[in-house]
Amino acid sequence: HWLRSNGFMVVTKDGAPAEEGHYKANVDVMMAIDALELSVEMEPEVVILVTGDADFAYLATKLRRRGIRVEVASVTPNLSGLLKAAANAVIDLAPLFRTFEIMPVPEAPATPARRKRP
């Protein structure tokens, strides 16, 4: 995982099946609690929240009150105005996503079609 190997702390959570084709992970509370705990334990200079969800505006405010710089990484259409206002800075992820769009996608090997049996 590139982020971990480059010094980032990455927390993941598997989602539970919800509606057809969708998953629900409920990471909001977990992410907020982890961020507050880690801000006390590790005293980071900067916390980067990779979300655009307005629910994290209060967390950003609390972290800033502790003297921590808060940066939000998101794409503009998904970025809440409240979260943007609560952060010190915003990192627009759109240019990063565009680099993925121009990367060649390896083609899956062709598989022969199966004939239906009568």
Foldseek 3Di string as FASTA:
>chain_A
DVQVVVPHDDDDFDFDDDPVPDTDGPCLVVVLVVVVVCCVVPVDQEDEAAFQDLSCLVSLQVSVVVNHAYEYEYAVVRHDPSNCVSHPYYHHCVVVVVVVVPDDDDDDDDDDDDDDDD
